[in-house]
């Protein structure tokens, strides 16, 4: 199975002001693990789960260039409202 579903290179931004790109994606059984890399080299991670709450960094959005109606920032995962960080 390919580990490239098109996430690599997508722009990301966080509610706290950080910006970066998705630098890697790894597939697992019923999940996709994304590494987000900022220009200064720091990273964060988001795990998108098929069943259940997503995990990882909170407050992230990704830039969808091909959104219906024009480019748009979309929530990355369903964990953006959480107050804890897993």
PDB file of N, CA and C in Angstrom:
ATOM      1  N   UNK A   1       0.843  -1.180   0.000  1.00  0.00           N
ATOM      2  CA  UNK A   1       0.000   0.000   0.000  1.00  0.00           C
ATOM      3  C   UNK A   1       0.886   1.240   0.000  1.00  0.00           C
ATOM      4  N   UNK A   2       0.562   2.198  -0.808  1.00  0.00           N
ATOM      5  CA  UNK A   2       1.332   3.437  -0.891  1.00  0.00           C
ATOM      6  C   UNK A   2       1.105   4.294   0.342  1.00  0.00           C
ATOM      7  N   UNK A   3       2.152   4.966   0.782  1.00  0.00           N
ATOM      8  CA  UNK A   3       2.036   5.910   1.895  1.00  0.00           C
ATOM      9  C   UNK A   3       1.783   7.316   1.394  1.00  0.00           C
ATOM     10  N   UNK A   4       1.471   7.496   0.124  1.00  0.00           N
ATOM     11  CA  UNK A   4       1.237   8.826  -0.414  1.00  0.00           C
ATOM     12  C   UNK A   4      -0.194   8.948  -0.933  1.00  0.00           C
ATOM     13  N   UNK A   5      -1.024   9.594  -0.135  1.00  0.00           N
ATOM     14  CA  UNK A   5      -2.396   9.879  -0.553  1.00  0.00           C
ATOM     15  C   UNK A   5      -2.562  11.343  -0.928  1.00  0.00           C
ATOM     16  N   UNK A   6      -1.444  12.036  -1.128  1.00  0.00           N
ATOM     17  CA  UNK A   6      -1.503  13.423  -1.567  1.00  0.00           C
ATOM     18  C   UNK A   6      -1.376  14.458  -0.468  1.00  0.00           C
ATOM     19  N   UNK A   7      -1.086  14.059   0.762  1.00  0.00           N
ATOM     20  CA  UNK A   7      -0.950  15.023   1.854  1.00  0.00           C
ATOM     21  C   UNK A   7       0.395  15.749   1.826  1.00  0.00           C
ATOM     22  N   UNK A   8       1.434  15.091   1.378  1.00  0.00           N
ATOM     23  CA  UNK A   8       2.780  15.677   1.439  1.00  0.00           C
ATOM     24  C   UNK A   8       2.839  16.961   0.612  1.00  0.00           C
ATOM     25  N   UNK A   9       3.359  18.021   1.243  1.00  0.00           N
ATOM     26  CA  UNK A   9       3.504  19.317   0.592  1.00  0.00           C
ATOM     27  C   UNK A   9       2.349  20.268   0.824  1.00  0.00           C
ATOM     28  N   UNK A  10       1.236  19.779   1.400  1.00  0.00           N
ATOM     29  CA  UNK A  10       0.095  20.660   1.674  1.00  0.00           C
ATOM     30  C   UNK A  10       0.486  21.693   2.734  1.00  0.00           C
ATOM     31  N   UNK A  11       0.051  22.926   2.528  1.00  0.00           N
ATOM     32  CA  UNK A  11       0.290  23.991   3.508  1.00  0.00           C
ATOM     33  C   UNK A  11      -0.603  23.768   4.728  1.00  0.00           C
ATOM     34  N   UNK A  12      -0.060  24.069   5.902  1.00  0.00           N
ATOM     35  CA  UNK A  12      -0.828  23.995   7.144  1.00  0.00           C
ATOM     36  C   UNK A  12      -0.605  25.266   7.949  1.00  0.00           C
ATOM     37  N   UNK A  13      -1.579  25.571   8.797  1.00  0.00           N
ATOM     38  CA  UNK A  13      -1.429  26.695   9.724  1.00  0.00           C
ATOM     39  C   UNK A  13      -2.152  26.319  11.020  1.00  0.00           C
ATOM     40  N   UNK A  14      -1.696  26.941  12.099  1.00  0.00           N
ATOM     41  CA  UNK A  14      -2.274  26.661  13.401  1.00  0.00           C
ATOM     42  C   UNK A  14      -2.891  27.929  13.971  1.00  0.00           C
ATOM     43  N   UNK A  15      -3.878  27.756  14.830  1.00  0.00           N
ATOM     44  CA  UNK A  15      -4.530  28.892  15.485  1.00  0.00           C
ATOM     45  C   UNK A  15      -3.536  29.717  16.294  1.00  0.00           C
ATOM     46  N   UNK A  16      -2.401  29.124  16.708  1.00  0.00           N
ATOM     47  CA  UNK A  16      -1.399  29.853  17.487  1.00  0.00           C
ATOM     48  C   UNK A  16      -0.415  30.632  16.616  1.00  0.00           C
ATOM     49  N   UNK A  17      -0.614  30.601  15.282  1.00  0.00           N
ATOM     50  CA  UNK A  17       0.225  31.382  14.380  1.00  0.00           C
ATOM     51  C   UNK A  17       1.285  30.597  13.630  1.00  0.00           C
ATOM     52  N   UNK A  18       1.545  29.364  14.016  1.00  0.00           N
ATOM     53  CA  UNK A  18       2.542  28.562  13.298  1.00  0.00           C
ATOM     54  C   UNK A  18       2.036  28.238  11.896  1.00  0.00           C
ATOM     55  N   UNK A  19       2.979  28.176  10.959  1.00  0.00           N
ATOM     56  CA  UNK A  19       2.688  27.770   9.593  1.00  0.00           C
ATOM     57  C   UNK A  19       3.733  26.755   9.168  1.00  0.00           C
ATOM     58  N   UNK A  20       3.366  25.914   8.224  1.00  0.00           N
ATOM     59  CA  UNK A  20       4.308  24.916   7.741  1.00  0.00           C
ATOM     60  C   UNK A  20       3.714  24.108   6.622  1.00  0.00           C
ATOM     61  N   UNK A  21       4.259  22.902   6.444  1.00  0.00           N
ATOM     62  CA  UNK A  21       3.779  21.978   5.420  1.00  0.00           C
ATOM     63  C   UNK A  21       3.705  20.576   6.008  1.00  0.00           C
ATOM     64  N   UNK A  22       2.917  19.741   5.371  1.00  0.00           N
ATOM     65  CA  UNK A  22       2.895  18.331   5.735  1.00  0.00           C
ATOM     66  C   UNK A  22       4.094  17.687   5.048  1.00  0.00           C
ATOM     67  N   UNK A  23       5.015  17.168   5.859  1.00  0.00           N
ATOM     68  CA  UNK A  23       6.272  16.661   5.315  1.00  0.00           C
ATOM     69  C   UNK A  23       6.302  15.147   5.167  1.00  0.00           C
ATOM     70  N   UNK A  24       5.414  14.441   5.871  1.00  0.00           N
ATOM     71  CA  UNK A  24       5.338  12.990   5.674  1.00  0.00           C
ATOM     72  C   UNK A  24       3.971  12.483   6.080  1.00  0.00           C
ATOM     73  N   UNK A  25       3.613  11.353   5.507  1.00  0.00           N
ATOM     74  CA  UNK A  25       2.366  10.677   5.855  1.00  0.00           C
ATOM     75  C   UNK A  25       2.653   9.185   5.913  1.00  0.00           C
ATOM     76  N   UNK A  26       2.139   8.563   6.948  1.00  0.00           N
ATOM     77  CA  UNK A  26       2.335   7.133   7.140  1.00  0.00           C
ATOM     78  C   UNK A  26       0.974   6.501   7.350  1.00  0.00           C
ATOM     79  N   UNK A  27       0.727   5.422   6.623  1.00  0.00           N
ATOM     80  CA  UNK A  27      -0.547   4.733   6.790  1.00  0.00           C
ATOM     81  C   UNK A  27      -0.375   3.587   7.763  1.00  0.00           C
ATOM     82  N   UNK A  28      -1.429   3.376   8.548  1.00  0.00           N
ATOM     83  CA  UNK A  28      -1.491   2.248   9.455  1.00  0.00           C
ATOM     84  C   UNK A  28      -2.857   1.620   9.319  1.00  0.00           C
ATOM     85  N   UNK A  29      -3.149   0.676  10.178  1.00  0.00           N
ATOM     86  CA  UNK A  29      -4.450   0.028  10.122  1.00  0.00           C
ATOM     87  C   UNK A  29      -5.507   1.010  10.605  1.00  0.00           C
ATOM     88  N   UNK A  30      -6.277   1.536   9.685  1.00  0.00           N
ATOM     89  CA  UNK A  30      -7.383   2.468   9.958  1.00  0.00           C
ATOM     90  C   UNK A  30      -6.936   3.834  10.453  1.00  0.00           C
ATOM     91  N   UNK A  31      -5.716   4.256  10.120  1.00  0.00           N
ATOM     92  CA  UNK A  31      -5.298   5.615  10.460  1.00  0.00           C
ATOM     93  C   UNK A  31      -4.275   6.119   9.455  1.00  0.00           C
ATOM     94  N   UNK A  32      -4.085   7.448   9.475  1.00  0.00           N
ATOM     95  CA  UNK A  32      -3.075   8.133   8.673  1.00  0.00           C
ATOM     96  C   UNK A  32      -2.345   9.072   9.623  1.00  0.00           C
ATOM     97  N   UNK A  33      -1.031   8.938   9.739  1.00  0.00           N
ATOM     98  CA  UNK A  33      -0.213   9.777  10.622  1.00  0.00           C
ATOM     99  C   UNK A  33       0.506  10.814   9.769  1.00  0.00           C
ATOM    100  N   UNK A  34       0.269  12.099  10.066  1.00  0.00           N
ATOM    101  CA  UNK A  34       0.877  13.199   9.310  1.00  0.00           C
ATOM    102  C   UNK A  34       1.899  13.925  10.173  1.00  0.00           C
ATOM    103  N   UNK A  35       3.057  14.207   9.603  1.00  0.00           N
ATOM    104  CA  UNK A  35       4.061  15.039  10.265  1.00  0.00           C
ATOM    105  C   UNK A  35       3.991  16.426   9.645  1.00  0.00           C
ATOM    106  N   UNK A  36       3.856  17.439  10.495  1.00  0.00           N
ATOM    107  CA  UNK A  36       3.782  18.834  10.070  1.00  0.00           C
ATOM    108  C   UNK A  36       5.115  19.488  10.427  1.00  0.00           C
ATOM    109  N   UNK A  37       5.757  20.111   9.456  1.00  0.00           N
ATOM    110  CA  UNK A  37       7.074  20.700   9.682  1.00  0.00           C
ATOM    111  C   UNK A  37       7.029  22.202   9.418  1.00  0.00           C
ATOM    112  N   UNK A  38       7.523  22.974  10.400  1.00  0.00           N
ATOM    113  CA  UNK A  38       7.582  24.418  10.294  1.00  0.00           C
ATOM    114  C   UNK A  38       8.921  24.835   9.681  1.00  0.00           C
ATOM    115  N   UNK A  39       9.015  26.059   9.150  1.00  0.00           N
ATOM    116  CA  UNK A  39      10.260  26.514   8.522  1.00  0.00           C
ATOM    117  C   UNK A  39      11.486  26.441   9.436  1.00  0.00           C
ATOM    118  N   UNK A  40      11.291  26.561  10.751  1.00  0.00           N
ATOM    119  CA  UNK A  40      12.432  26.501  11.674  1.00  0.00           C
ATOM    120  C   UNK A  40      12.836  25.070  12.014  1.00  0.00           C
ATOM    121  N   UNK A  41      12.166  24.076  11.419  1.00  0.00           N
ATOM    122  CA  UNK A  41      12.523  22.676  11.623  1.00  0.00           C
ATOM    123  C   UNK A  41      11.741  21.962  12.714  1.00  0.00           C
ATOM    124  N   UNK A  42      10.959  22.697  13.504  1.00  0.00           N
ATOM    125  CA  UNK A  42      10.152  22.034  14.519  1.00  0.00           C
ATOM    126  C   UNK A  42       9.008  21.280  13.846  1.00  0.00           C
ATOM    127  N   UNK A  43       8.497  20.269  14.546  1.00  0.00           N
ATOM    128  CA  UNK A  43       7.431  19.453  13.977  1.00  0.00           C
ATOM    129  C   UNK A  43       6.280  19.286  14.957  1.00  0.00           C
ATOM    130  N   UNK A  44       5.164  18.936  14.412  1.00  0.00           N
ATOM    131  CA  UNK A  44       3.998  18.515  15.181  1.00  0.00           C
ATOM    132  C   UNK A  44       3.391  17.364  14.396  1.00  0.00           C
ATOM    133  N   UNK A  45       2.436  16.684  15.001  1.00  0.00           N
ATOM    134  CA  UNK A  45       1.864  15.505  14.369  1.00  0.00           C
ATOM    135  C   UNK A  45       0.358  15.508  14.529  1.00  0.00           C
ATOM    136  N   UNK A  46      -0.325  14.993  13.517  1.00  0.00           N
ATOM    137  CA  UNK A  46      -1.766  14.773  13.574  1.00  0.00           C
ATOM    138  C   UNK A  46      -2.017  13.367  13.059  1.00  0.00           C
ATOM    139  N   UNK A  47      -2.807  12.609  13.810  1.00  0.00           N
ATOM    140  CA  UNK A  47      -3.198  11.271  13.368  1.00  0.00           C
ATOM    141  C   UNK A  47      -4.684  11.276  13.058  1.00  0.00           C
ATOM    142  N   UNK A  48      -5.011  10.989  11.811  1.00  0.00           N
ATOM    143  CA  UNK A  48      -6.394  10.932  11.362  1.00  0.00           C
ATOM    144  C   UNK A  48      -6.862   9.484  11.471  1.00  0.00           C
ATOM    145  N   UNK A  49      -7.876   9.248  12.290  1.00  0.00           N
ATOM    146  CA  UNK A  49      -8.373   7.906  12.545  1.00  0.00           C
ATOM    147  C   UNK A  49      -9.692   7.657  11.826  1.00  0.00           C
ATOM    148  N   UNK A  50      -9.843   6.480  11.277  1.00  0.00           N
ATOM    149  CA  UNK A  50     -11.080   6.111  10.597  1.00  0.00           C
ATOM    150  C   UNK A  50     -12.226   6.036  11.600  1.00  0.00           C
ATOM    151  N   UNK A  51     -11.960   5.450  12.743  1.00  0.00           N
ATOM    152  CA  UNK A  51     -12.993   5.248  13.754  1.00  0.00           C
ATOM    153  C   UNK A  51     -12.532   5.881  15.063  1.00  0.00           C
ATOM    154  N   UNK A  52     -13.250   6.876  15.535  1.00  0.00           N
ATOM    155  CA  UNK A  52     -12.882   7.525  16.790  1.00  0.00           C
ATOM    156  C   UNK A  52     -12.221   8.870  16.567  1.00  0.00           C
ATOM    157  N   UNK A  53     -11.903   9.481  17.682  1.00  0.00           N
ATOM    158  CA  UNK A  53     -11.323  10.828  17.656  1.00  0.00           C
ATOM    159  C   UNK A  53      -9.918  10.822  17.069  1.00  0.00           C
ATOM    160  N   UNK A  54      -9.620  11.846  16.277  1.00  0.00           N
ATOM    161  CA  UNK A  54      -8.266  12.016  15.770  1.00  0.00           C
ATOM    162  C   UNK A  54      -7.357  12.396  16.934  1.00  0.00           C
ATOM    163  N   UNK A  55      -6.054  12.240  16.740  1.00  0.00           N
ATOM    164  CA  UNK A  55      -5.083  12.493  17.812  1.00  0.00           C
ATOM    165  C   UNK A  55      -4.011  13.449  17.336  1.00  0.00           C
ATOM    166  N   UNK A  56      -3.244  13.952  18.305  1.00  0.00           N
ATOM    167  CA  UNK A  56      -2.095  14.783  17.979  1.00  0.00           C
ATOM    168  C   UNK A  56      -2.345  16.245  18.235  1.00  0.00           C
ATOM    169  N   UNK A  57      -1.592  17.076  17.511  1.00  0.00           N
ATOM    170  CA  UNK A  57      -1.667  18.518  17.671  1.00  0.00           C
ATOM    171  C   UNK A  57      -3.067  19.053  17.414  1.00  0.00           C
ATOM    172  N   UNK A  58      -3.410  20.095  18.148  1.00  0.00           N
ATOM    173  CA  UNK A  58      -4.733  20.698  17.991  1.00  0.00           C
ATOM    174  C   UNK A  58      -4.606  22.064  17.318  1.00  0.00           C
ATOM    175  N   UNK A  59      -5.704  22.529  16.737  1.00  0.00           N
ATOM    176  CA  UNK A  59      -5.741  23.858  16.130  1.00  0.00           C
ATOM    177  C   UNK A  59      -5.219  23.944  14.714  1.00  0.00           C
ATOM    178  N   UNK A  60      -5.010  22.807  14.041  1.00  0.00           N
ATOM    179  CA  UNK A  60      -4.426  22.817  12.700  1.00  0.00           C
ATOM    180  C   UNK A  60      -5.494  22.885  11.612  1.00  0.00           C
ATOM    181  N   UNK A  61      -5.135  23.569  10.525  1.00  0.00           N
ATOM    182  CA  UNK A  61      -5.929  23.623   9.305  1.00  0.00           C
ATOM    183  C   UNK A  61      -4.997  23.343   8.134  1.00  0.00           C
ATOM    184  N   UNK A  62      -5.560  22.835   7.045  1.00  0.00           N
ATOM    185  CA  UNK A  62      -4.781  22.613   5.831  1.00  0.00           C
ATOM    186  C   UNK A  62      -5.417  23.387   4.691  1.00  0.00           C
ATOM    187  N   UNK A  63      -4.578  23.802   3.737  1.00  0.00           N
ATOM    188  CA  UNK A  63      -5.020  24.626   2.615  1.00  0.00           C
ATOM    189  C   UNK A  63      -5.432  23.719   1.465  1.00  0.00           C
ATOM    190  N   UNK A  64      -6.735  23.729   1.155  1.00  0.00           N
ATOM    191  CA  UNK A  64      -7.282  22.928   0.063  1.00  0.00           C
ATOM    192  C   UNK A  64      -7.389  23.823  -1.171  1.00  0.00           C
ATOM    193  N   UNK A  65      -6.495  23.630  -2.111  1.00  0.00           N
ATOM    194  CA  UNK A  65      -6.466  24.467  -3.318  1.00  0.00           C
ATOM    195  C   UNK A  65      -7.632  24.177  -4.252  1.00  0.00           C
ATOM    196  N   UNK A  66      -8.185  22.976  -4.193  1.00  0.00           N
ATOM    197  CA  UNK A  66      -9.229  22.563  -5.129  1.00  0.00           C
ATOM    198  C   UNK A  66     -10.605  22.488  -4.489  1.00  0.00           C
ATOM    199  N   UNK A  67     -10.848  23.272  -3.460  1.00  0.00           N
ATOM    200  CA  UNK A  67     -12.141  23.242  -2.788  1.00  0.00           C
ATOM    201  C   UNK A  67     -13.224  23.786  -3.721  1.00  0.00           C
ATOM    202  N   UNK A  68     -14.401  23.199  -3.665  1.00  0.00           N
ATOM    203  CA  UNK A  68     -15.515  23.673  -4.481  1.00  0.00           C
ATOM    204  C   UNK A  68     -15.816  25.125  -4.106  1.00  0.00           C
ATOM    205  N   UNK A  69     -15.763  26.023  -5.065  1.00  0.00           N
ATOM    206  CA  UNK A  69     -15.985  27.438  -4.796  1.00  0.00           C
ATOM    207  C   UNK A  69     -14.694  28.216  -4.613  1.00  0.00           C
ATOM    208  N   UNK A  70     -13.553  27.536  -4.689  1.00  0.00           N
ATOM    209  CA  UNK A  70     -12.267  28.210  -4.568  1.00  0.00           C
ATOM    210  C   UNK A  70     -11.449  27.699  -3.394  1.00  0.00           C
ATOM    211  N   UNK A  71     -10.163  28.037  -3.369  1.00  0.00           N
ATOM    212  CA  UNK A  71      -9.285  27.576  -2.304  1.00  0.00           C
ATOM    213  C   UNK A  71      -9.819  27.958  -0.918  1.00  0.00           C
ATOM    214  N   UNK A  72      -9.571  27.076   0.076  1.00  0.00           N
ATOM    215  CA  UNK A  72     -10.097  27.315   1.414  1.00  0.00           C
ATOM    216  C   UNK A  72      -9.258  26.578   2.448  1.00  0.00           C
ATOM    217  N   UNK A  73      -9.143  27.170   3.646  1.00  0.00           N
ATOM    218  CA  UNK A  73      -8.520  26.509   4.787  1.00  0.00           C
ATOM    219  C   UNK A  73      -9.559  25.611   5.441  1.00  0.00           C
ATOM    220  N   UNK A  74      -9.198  24.332   5.643  1.00  0.00           N
ATOM    221  CA  UNK A  74     -10.096  23.349   6.237  1.00  0.00           C
ATOM    222  C   UNK A  74      -9.486  22.765   7.504  1.00  0.00           C
ATOM    223  N   UNK A  75     -10.320  22.421   8.456  1.00  0.00           N
ATOM    224  CA  UNK A  75      -9.858  21.827   9.707  1.00  0.00           C
ATOM    225  C   UNK A  75      -9.128  20.521   9.412  1.00  0.00           C
ATOM    226  N   UNK A  76      -7.987  20.328  10.056  1.00  0.00           N
ATOM    227  CA  UNK A  76      -7.204  19.105   9.896  1.00  0.00           C
ATOM    228  C   UNK A  76      -7.493  18.204  11.095  1.00  0.00           C
ATOM    229  N   UNK A  77      -8.411  17.288  10.915  1.00  0.00           N
ATOM    230  CA  UNK A  77      -8.808  16.384  11.987  1.00  0.00           C
ATOM    231  C   UNK A  77      -9.975  16.932  12.774  1.00  0.00           C
ATOM    232  N   UNK A  78     -10.511  16.095  13.644  1.00  0.00           N
ATOM    233  CA  UNK A  78     -11.649  16.498  14.465  1.00  0.00           C
ATOM    234  C   UNK A  78     -11.232  16.797  15.896  1.00  0.00           C
ATOM    235  N   UNK A  79      -9.958  17.095  16.093  1.00  0.00           N
ATOM    236  CA  UNK A  79      -9.422  17.314  17.435  1.00  0.00           C
ATOM    237  C   UNK A  79      -9.148  18.786  17.731  1.00  0.00           C
ATOM    238  N   UNK A  80      -9.665  19.702  16.931  1.00  0.00           N
ATOM    239  CA  UNK A  80      -9.311  21.110  17.089  1.00  0.00           C
ATOM    240  C   UNK A  80      -9.948  21.756  18.311  1.00  0.00           C
ATOM    241  N   UNK A  81     -11.025  21.207  18.851  1.00  0.00           N
ATOM    242  CA  UNK A  81     -11.682  21.814  19.994  1.00  0.00           C
ATOM    243  C   UNK A  81     -11.199  21.269  21.328  1.00  0.00           C
ATOM    244  N   UNK A  82     -10.343  20.272  21.277  1.00  0.00           N
ATOM    245  CA  UNK A  82      -9.864  19.663  22.525  1.00  0.00           C
ATOM    246  C   UNK A  82      -8.955  20.613  23.291  1.00  0.00           C
ATOM    247  N   UNK A  83      -8.922  20.483  24.579  1.00  0.00           N
ATOM    248  CA  UNK A  83      -8.040  21.311  25.404  1.00  0.00           C
ATOM    249  C   UNK A  83      -6.796  20.541  25.820  1.00  0.00           C
ATOM    250  N   UNK A  84      -6.797  19.222  25.676  1.00  0.00           N
ATOM    251  CA  UNK A  84      -5.609  18.432  25.999  1.00  0.00           C
ATOM    252  C   UNK A  84      -4.871  18.124  24.714  1.00  0.00           C
ATOM    253  N   UNK A  85      -3.641  17.703  24.838  1.00  0.00           N
ATOM    254  CA  UNK A  85      -2.860  17.324  23.663  1.00  0.00           C
ATOM    255  C   UNK A  85      -2.358  15.914  23.880  1.00  0.00           C
ATOM    256  N   UNK A  86      -2.699  15.033  22.966  1.00  0.00           N
ATOM    257  CA  UNK A  86      -2.296  13.630  23.106  1.00  0.00           C
ATOM    258  C   UNK A  86      -1.146  13.322  22.188  1.00  0.00           C
TER     259      UNK A  86
END
